[in-house]
Amino acid sequence: MKTVKISLNSIDKVKSFVNVISQFDSDFDLISGRYVIDAKSIMGIFSLDLAQDIDLTIHADNDAEITEALKEYIVD
């Protein structure tokens, strides 16, 4: 399990993020404040405050491959 901060500050970024993350069979959680939603749920993502960075928890053994695929969304 690994947690990274991501930025989804536009509708296009949310759509492309869901397309990328849906390619993996692993589970992903987005955490914003007290809310935890499934990262593959586009409707769930739009219920979050997208002006802020969001924590993405990756529940997978191959997290290096996943973080590489998501590098454009990850905030340093």
PDB file of N, CA and C in Angstrom:
ATOM      1  N   MET A   1       0.839  -1.177   0.000  1.00  0.00           N
ATOM      2  CA  MET A   1       0.000   0.000   0.000  1.00  0.00           C
ATOM      3  C   MET A   1       0.884   1.241   0.000  1.00  0.00           C
ATOM      4  N   LYS A   2       0.498   2.206  -0.815  1.00  0.00           N
ATOM      5  CA  LYS A   2       1.262   3.447  -0.941  1.00  0.00           C
ATOM      6  C   LYS A   2       0.281   4.600  -1.068  1.00  0.00           C
ATOM      7  N   THR A   3       0.636   5.753  -0.489  1.00  0.00           N
ATOM      8  CA  THR A   3      -0.206   6.940  -0.590  1.00  0.00           C
ATOM      9  C   THR A   3       0.587   8.070  -1.226  1.00  0.00           C
ATOM     10  N   VAL A   4      -0.025   8.724  -2.220  1.00  0.00           N
ATOM     11  CA  VAL A   4       0.587   9.872  -2.888  1.00  0.00           C
ATOM     12  C   VAL A   4      -0.450  10.984  -2.983  1.00  0.00           C
ATOM     13  N   LYS A   5       0.019  12.212  -3.121  1.00  0.00           N
ATOM     14  CA  LYS A   5      -0.878  13.355  -3.319  1.00  0.00           C
ATOM     15  C   LYS A   5      -1.034  13.587  -4.812  1.00  0.00           C
ATOM     16  N   ILE A   6      -2.281  13.796  -5.239  1.00  0.00           N
ATOM     17  CA  ILE A   6      -2.532  14.054  -6.650  1.00  0.00           C
ATOM     18  C   ILE A   6      -3.346  15.338  -6.804  1.00  0.00           C
ATOM     19  N   SER A   7      -3.303  15.891  -8.006  1.00  0.00           N
ATOM     20  CA  SER A   7      -4.069  17.080  -8.337  1.00  0.00           C
ATOM     21  C   SER A   7      -4.976  16.766  -9.518  1.00  0.00           C
ATOM     22  N   LEU A   8      -6.272  16.983  -9.322  1.00  0.00           N
ATOM     23  CA  LEU A   8      -7.268  16.789 -10.381  1.00  0.00           C
ATOM     24  C   LEU A   8      -8.068  18.077 -10.496  1.00  0.00           C
ATOM     25  N   ASN A   9      -7.440  19.121 -11.021  1.00  0.00           N
ATOM     26  CA  ASN A   9      -8.033  20.445 -10.986  1.00  0.00           C
ATOM     27  C   ASN A   9      -8.802  20.842 -12.248  1.00  0.00           C
ATOM     28  N   SER A  10      -9.121  19.875 -13.112  1.00  0.00           N
ATOM     29  CA  SER A  10      -9.950  20.170 -14.281  1.00  0.00           C
ATOM     30  C   SER A  10     -10.761  18.936 -14.656  1.00  0.00           C
ATOM     31  N   ILE A  11     -11.818  19.160 -15.391  1.00  0.00           N
ATOM     32  CA  ILE A  11     -12.688  18.059 -15.813  1.00  0.00           C
ATOM     33  C   ILE A  11     -11.923  17.086 -16.704  1.00  0.00           C
ATOM     34  N   ASP A  12     -11.110  17.609 -17.615  1.00  0.00           N
ATOM     35  CA  ASP A  12     -10.327  16.741 -18.498  1.00  0.00           C
ATOM     36  C   ASP A  12      -9.341  15.879 -17.718  1.00  0.00           C
ATOM     37  N   LYS A  13      -8.728  16.453 -16.677  1.00  0.00           N
ATOM     38  CA  LYS A  13      -7.798  15.674 -15.855  1.00  0.00           C
ATOM     39  C   LYS A  13      -8.519  14.552 -15.122  1.00  0.00           C
ATOM     40  N   VAL A  14      -9.715  14.821 -14.635  1.00  0.00           N
ATOM     41  CA  VAL A  14     -10.489  13.791 -13.935  1.00  0.00           C
ATOM     42  C   VAL A  14     -10.823  12.660 -14.902  1.00  0.00           C
ATOM     43  N   LYS A  15     -11.289  12.991 -16.096  1.00  0.00           N
ATOM     44  CA  LYS A  15     -11.640  11.962 -17.081  1.00  0.00           C
ATOM     45  C   LYS A  15     -10.425  11.115 -17.462  1.00  0.00           C
ATOM     46  N   SER A  16      -9.301  11.753 -17.740  1.00  0.00           N
ATOM     47  CA  SER A  16      -8.117  10.986 -18.137  1.00  0.00           C
ATOM     48  C   SER A  16      -7.574  10.175 -16.960  1.00  0.00           C
ATOM     49  N   PHE A  17      -7.662  10.714 -15.737  1.00  0.00           N
ATOM     50  CA  PHE A  17      -7.226   9.977 -14.544  1.00  0.00           C
ATOM     51  C   PHE A  17      -8.036   8.691 -14.386  1.00  0.00           C
ATOM     52  N   VAL A  18      -9.352   8.779 -14.510  1.00  0.00           N
ATOM     53  CA  VAL A  18     -10.207   7.598 -14.369  1.00  0.00           C
ATOM     54  C   VAL A  18      -9.907   6.587 -15.473  1.00  0.00           C
ATOM     55  N   ASN A  19      -9.650   7.060 -16.685  1.00  0.00           N
ATOM     56  CA  ASN A  19      -9.297   6.143 -17.776  1.00  0.00           C
ATOM     57  C   ASN A  19      -8.002   5.402 -17.488  1.00  0.00           C
ATOM     58  N   VAL A  20      -6.994   6.105 -16.968  1.00  0.00           N
ATOM     59  CA  VAL A  20      -5.706   5.471 -16.660  1.00  0.00           C
ATOM     60  C   VAL A  20      -5.851   4.491 -15.510  1.00  0.00           C
ATOM     61  N   ILE A  21      -6.491   4.918 -14.439  1.00  0.00           N
ATOM     62  CA  ILE A  21      -6.560   4.088 -13.234  1.00  0.00           C
ATOM     63  C   ILE A  21      -7.455   2.864 -13.436  1.00  0.00           C
ATOM     64  N   SER A  22      -8.409   2.949 -14.346  1.00  0.00           N
ATOM     65  CA  SER A  22      -9.299   1.821 -14.615  1.00  0.00           C
ATOM     66  C   SER A  22      -8.600   0.679 -15.348  1.00  0.00           C
ATOM     67  N   GLN A  23      -7.414   0.931 -15.883  1.00  0.00           N
ATOM     68  CA  GLN A  23      -6.650  -0.112 -16.558  1.00  0.00           C
ATOM     69  C   GLN A  23      -6.046  -1.109 -15.580  1.00  0.00           C
ATOM     70  N   PHE A  24      -5.998  -0.745 -14.300  1.00  0.00           N
ATOM     71  CA  PHE A  24      -5.395  -1.609 -13.284  1.00  0.00           C
ATOM     72  C   PHE A  24      -6.481  -2.339 -12.495  1.00  0.00           C
ATOM     73  N   ASP A  25      -6.195  -3.594 -12.115  1.00  0.00           N
ATOM     74  CA  ASP A  25      -7.154  -4.404 -11.364  1.00  0.00           C
ATOM     75  C   ASP A  25      -7.136  -4.107  -9.870  1.00  0.00           C
ATOM     76  N   SER A  26      -6.203  -3.316  -9.408  1.00  0.00           N
ATOM     77  CA  SER A  26      -6.052  -3.039  -7.984  1.00  0.00           C
ATOM     78  C   SER A  26      -7.137  -2.093  -7.484  1.00  0.00           C
ATOM     79  N   ASP A  27      -7.195  -1.953  -6.153  1.00  0.00           N
ATOM     80  CA  ASP A  27      -8.131  -1.020  -5.530  1.00  0.00           C
ATOM     81  C   ASP A  27      -7.422   0.290  -5.238  1.00  0.00           C
ATOM     82  N   PHE A  28      -8.155   1.385  -5.405  1.00  0.00           N
ATOM     83  CA  PHE A  28      -7.618   2.723  -5.180  1.00  0.00           C
ATOM     84  C   PHE A  28      -8.642   3.535  -4.406  1.00  0.00           C
ATOM     85  N   ASP A  29      -8.180   4.275  -3.398  1.00  0.00           N
ATOM     86  CA  ASP A  29      -9.048   5.154  -2.623  1.00  0.00           C
ATOM     87  C   ASP A  29      -8.563   6.582  -2.759  1.00  0.00           C
ATOM     88  N   LEU A  30      -9.497   7.502  -2.904  1.00  0.00           N
ATOM     89  CA  LEU A  30      -9.188   8.930  -2.854  1.00  0.00           C
ATOM     90  C   LEU A  30      -9.698   9.447  -1.509  1.00  0.00           C
ATOM     91  N   ILE A  31      -8.836  10.171  -0.799  1.00  0.00           N
ATOM     92  CA  ILE A  31      -9.170  10.653   0.532  1.00  0.00           C
ATOM     93  C   ILE A  31      -9.052  12.173   0.544  1.00  0.00           C
ATOM     94  N   SER A  32     -10.154  12.822   0.865  1.00  0.00           N
ATOM     95  CA  SER A  32     -10.189  14.269   0.964  1.00  0.00           C
ATOM     96  C   SER A  32     -10.917  14.614   2.257  1.00  0.00           C
ATOM     97  N   GLY A  33     -10.166  15.068   3.249  1.00  0.00           N
ATOM     98  CA  GLY A  33     -10.765  15.332   4.553  1.00  0.00           C
ATOM     99  C   GLY A  33     -11.265  14.043   5.164  1.00  0.00           C
ATOM    100  N   ARG A  34     -12.544  14.002   5.482  1.00  0.00           N
ATOM    101  CA  ARG A  34     -13.114  12.789   6.079  1.00  0.00           C
ATOM    102  C   ARG A  34     -13.784  11.882   5.058  1.00  0.00           C
ATOM    103  N   TYR A  35     -13.718  12.254   3.796  1.00  0.00           N
ATOM    104  CA  TYR A  35     -14.358  11.473   2.736  1.00  0.00           C
ATOM    105  C   TYR A  35     -13.367  10.520   2.086  1.00  0.00           C
ATOM    106  N   VAL A  36     -13.792   9.277   1.904  1.00  0.00           N
ATOM    107  CA  VAL A  36     -13.008   8.264   1.193  1.00  0.00           C
ATOM    108  C   VAL A  36     -13.896   7.705   0.092  1.00  0.00           C
ATOM    109  N   ILE A  37     -13.418   7.819  -1.151  1.00  0.00           N
ATOM    110  CA  ILE A  37     -14.214   7.311  -2.268  1.00  0.00           C
ATOM    111  C   ILE A  37     -13.358   6.417  -3.156  1.00  0.00           C
ATOM    112  N   ASP A  38     -14.015   5.612  -3.962  1.00  0.00           N
ATOM    113  CA  ASP A  38     -13.348   4.744  -4.932  1.00  0.00           C
ATOM    114  C   ASP A  38     -12.789   5.627  -6.051  1.00  0.00           C
ATOM    115  N   ALA A  39     -11.493   5.519  -6.309  1.00  0.00           N
ATOM    116  CA  ALA A  39     -10.840   6.375  -7.303  1.00  0.00           C
ATOM    117  C   ALA A  39     -11.287   6.065  -8.727  1.00  0.00           C
ATOM    118  N   LYS A  40     -11.949   4.941  -8.945  1.00  0.00           N
ATOM    119  CA  LYS A  40     -12.434   4.599 -10.282  1.00  0.00           C
ATOM    120  C   LYS A  40     -13.833   5.153 -10.543  1.00  0.00           C
ATOM    121  N   SER A  41     -14.402   5.826  -9.557  1.00  0.00           N
ATOM    122  CA  SER A  41     -15.754   6.385  -9.676  1.00  0.00           C
ATOM    123  C   SER A  41     -15.685   7.855 -10.073  1.00  0.00           C
ATOM    124  N   ILE A  42     -16.018   8.146 -11.321  1.00  0.00           N
ATOM    125  CA  ILE A  42     -15.944   9.525 -11.794  1.00  0.00           C
ATOM    126  C   ILE A  42     -16.942  10.411 -11.050  1.00  0.00           C
ATOM    127  N   MET A  43     -18.113   9.873 -10.733  1.00  0.00           N
ATOM    128  CA  MET A  43     -19.104  10.652  -9.975  1.00  0.00           C
ATOM    129  C   MET A  43     -18.605  10.913  -8.549  1.00  0.00           C
ATOM    130  N   GLY A  44     -17.961   9.931  -7.958  1.00  0.00           N
ATOM    131  CA  GLY A  44     -17.408  10.121  -6.620  1.00  0.00           C
ATOM    132  C   GLY A  44     -16.337  11.192  -6.597  1.00  0.00           C
ATOM    133  N   ILE A  45     -15.491  11.214  -7.620  1.00  0.00           N
ATOM    134  CA  ILE A  45     -14.418  12.215  -7.694  1.00  0.00           C
ATOM    135  C   ILE A  45     -15.013  13.613  -7.774  1.00  0.00           C
ATOM    136  N   PHE A  46     -16.075  13.784  -8.546  1.00  0.00           N
ATOM    137  CA  PHE A  46     -16.683  15.106  -8.683  1.00  0.00           C
ATOM    138  C   PHE A  46     -17.382  15.558  -7.400  1.00  0.00           C
ATOM    139  N   SER A  47     -17.578  14.653  -6.450  1.00  0.00           N
ATOM    140  CA  SER A  47     -18.173  15.051  -5.169  1.00  0.00           C
ATOM    141  C   SER A  47     -17.126  15.632  -4.219  1.00  0.00           C
ATOM    142  N   LEU A  48     -15.843  15.538  -4.587  1.00  0.00           N
ATOM    143  CA  LEU A  48     -14.762  16.048  -3.743  1.00  0.00           C
ATOM    144  C   LEU A  48     -14.419  17.493  -4.094  1.00  0.00           C
ATOM    145  N   ASP A  49     -13.682  18.151  -3.195  1.00  0.00           N
ATOM    146  CA  ASP A  49     -13.185  19.505  -3.447  1.00  0.00           C
ATOM    147  C   ASP A  49     -11.937  19.368  -4.317  1.00  0.00           C
ATOM    148  N   LEU A  50     -12.080  19.603  -5.614  1.00  0.00           N
ATOM    149  CA  LEU A  50     -10.978  19.395  -6.545  1.00  0.00           C
ATOM    150  C   LEU A  50      -9.996  20.558  -6.592  1.00  0.00           C
ATOM    151  N   ALA A  51     -10.281  21.620  -5.858  1.00  0.00           N
ATOM    152  CA  ALA A  51      -9.347  22.745  -5.782  1.00  0.00           C
ATOM    153  C   ALA A  51      -8.157  22.392  -4.898  1.00  0.00           C
ATOM    154  N   GLN A  52      -8.328  21.402  -4.036  1.00  0.00           N
ATOM    155  CA  GLN A  52      -7.270  20.961  -3.123  1.00  0.00           C
ATOM    156  C   GLN A  52      -6.609  19.691  -3.658  1.00  0.00           C
ATOM    157  N   ASP A  53      -5.367  19.439  -3.227  1.00  0.00           N
ATOM    158  CA  ASP A  53      -4.720  18.166  -3.543  1.00  0.00           C
ATOM    159  C   ASP A  53      -5.440  17.051  -2.782  1.00  0.00           C
ATOM    160  N   ILE A  54      -5.472  15.870  -3.386  1.00  0.00           N
ATOM    161  CA  ILE A  54      -6.192  14.731  -2.819  1.00  0.00           C
ATOM    162  C   ILE A  54      -5.204  13.599  -2.588  1.00  0.00           C
ATOM    163  N   ASP A  55      -5.378  12.862  -1.487  1.00  0.00           N
ATOM    164  CA  ASP A  55      -4.540  11.694  -1.215  1.00  0.00           C
ATOM    165  C   ASP A  55      -5.081  10.495  -1.980  1.00  0.00           C
ATOM    166  N   LEU A  56      -4.201   9.825  -2.724  1.00  0.00           N
ATOM    167  CA  LEU A  56      -4.551   8.598  -3.431  1.00  0.00           C
ATOM    168  C   LEU A  56      -3.845   7.445  -2.739  1.00  0.00           C
ATOM    169  N   THR A  57      -4.608   6.495  -2.237  1.00  0.00           N
ATOM    170  CA  THR A  57      -4.033   5.299  -1.627  1.00  0.00           C
ATOM    171  C   THR A  57      -4.130   4.160  -2.633  1.00  0.00           C
ATOM    172  N   ILE A  58      -2.979   3.569  -2.921  1.00  0.00           N
ATOM    173  CA  ILE A  58      -2.880   2.477  -3.890  1.00  0.00           C
ATOM    174  C   ILE A  58      -2.755   1.172  -3.109  1.00  0.00           C
ATOM    175  N   HIS A  59      -3.704   0.268  -3.305  1.00  0.00           N
ATOM    176  CA  HIS A  59      -3.685  -1.038  -2.634  1.00  0.00           C
ATOM    177  C   HIS A  59      -3.195  -2.076  -3.646  1.00  0.00           C
ATOM    178  N   ALA A  60      -1.878  -2.070  -3.898  1.00  0.00           N
ATOM    179  CA  ALA A  60      -1.319  -2.975  -4.906  1.00  0.00           C
ATOM    180  C   ALA A  60       0.148  -3.258  -4.595  1.00  0.00           C
ATOM    181  N   ASP A  61       0.628  -4.386  -5.109  1.00  0.00           N
ATOM    182  CA  ASP A  61       2.044  -4.732  -4.955  1.00  0.00           C
ATOM    183  C   ASP A  61       2.899  -4.051  -6.019  1.00  0.00           C
ATOM    184  N   ASN A  62       2.332  -3.756  -7.169  1.00  0.00           N
ATOM    185  CA  ASN A  62       3.081  -3.153  -8.271  1.00  0.00           C
ATOM    186  C   ASN A  62       2.905  -1.637  -8.271  1.00  0.00           C
ATOM    187  N   ASP A  63       3.040  -1.000  -7.102  1.00  0.00           N
ATOM    188  CA  ASP A  63       2.766   0.438  -7.016  1.00  0.00           C
ATOM    189  C   ASP A  63       3.754   1.281  -7.816  1.00  0.00           C
ATOM    190  N   ALA A  64       4.959   0.772  -8.095  1.00  0.00           N
ATOM    191  CA  ALA A  64       5.921   1.536  -8.907  1.00  0.00           C
ATOM    192  C   ALA A  64       5.401   1.699 -10.331  1.00  0.00           C
ATOM    193  N   GLU A  65       4.836   0.649 -10.884  1.00  0.00           N
ATOM    194  CA  GLU A  65       4.262   0.704 -12.236  1.00  0.00           C
ATOM    195  C   GLU A  65       3.063   1.657 -12.272  1.00  0.00           C
ATOM    196  N   ILE A  66       2.257   1.614 -11.238  1.00  0.00           N
ATOM    197  CA  ILE A  66       1.072   2.472 -11.173  1.00  0.00           C
ATOM    198  C   ILE A  66       1.457   3.930 -11.004  1.00  0.00           C
ATOM    199  N   THR A  67       2.401   4.223 -10.124  1.00  0.00           N
ATOM    200  CA  THR A  67       2.819   5.614  -9.928  1.00  0.00           C
ATOM    201  C   THR A  67       3.465   6.175 -11.192  1.00  0.00           C
ATOM    202  N   GLU A  68       4.136   5.340 -11.958  1.00  0.00           N
ATOM    203  CA  GLU A  68       4.704   5.787 -13.235  1.00  0.00           C
ATOM    204  C   GLU A  68       3.588   6.167 -14.203  1.00  0.00           C
ATOM    205  N   ALA A  69       2.526   5.365 -14.249  1.00  0.00           N
ATOM    206  CA  ALA A  69       1.405   5.661 -15.143  1.00  0.00           C
ATOM    207  C   ALA A  69       0.645   6.918 -14.707  1.00  0.00           C
ATOM    208  N   LEU A  70       0.716   7.241 -13.422  1.00  0.00           N
ATOM    209  CA  LEU A  70      -0.020   8.390 -12.881  1.00  0.00           C
ATOM    210  C   LEU A  70       0.853   9.607 -12.617  1.00  0.00           C
ATOM    211  N   LYS A  71       2.067   9.613 -13.146  1.00  0.00           N
ATOM    212  CA  LYS A  71       3.036  10.678 -12.797  1.00  0.00           C
ATOM    213  C   LYS A  71       2.553  12.079 -13.141  1.00  0.00           C
ATOM    214  N   GLU A  72       1.727  12.239 -14.174  1.00  0.00           N
ATOM    215  CA  GLU A  72       1.278  13.586 -14.529  1.00  0.00           C
ATOM    216  C   GLU A  72       0.275  14.161 -13.526  1.00  0.00           C
ATOM    217  N   TYR A  73      -0.302  13.304 -12.678  1.00  0.00           N
ATOM    218  CA  TYR A  73      -1.274  13.757 -11.675  1.00  0.00           C
ATOM    219  C   TYR A  73      -0.653  13.923 -10.291  1.00  0.00           C
ATOM    220  N   ILE A  74       0.508  13.322 -10.059  1.00  0.00           N
ATOM    221  CA  ILE A  74       1.132  13.314  -8.741  1.00  0.00           C
ATOM    222  C   ILE A  74       1.785  14.662  -8.462  1.00  0.00           C
ATOM    223  N   VAL A  75       1.528  15.181  -7.261  1.00  0.00           N
ATOM    224  CA  VAL A  75       2.095  16.442  -6.812  1.00  0.00           C
ATOM    225  C   VAL A  75       3.325  16.116  -5.978  1.00  0.00           C
ATOM    226  N   ASP A  76       4.426  16.806  -6.264  1.00  0.00           N
ATOM    227  CA  ASP A  76       5.675  16.547  -5.503  1.00  0.00           C
ATOM    228  C   ASP A  76       5.618  17.134  -4.122  1.00  0.00           C
TER     229      ASP A  76
END
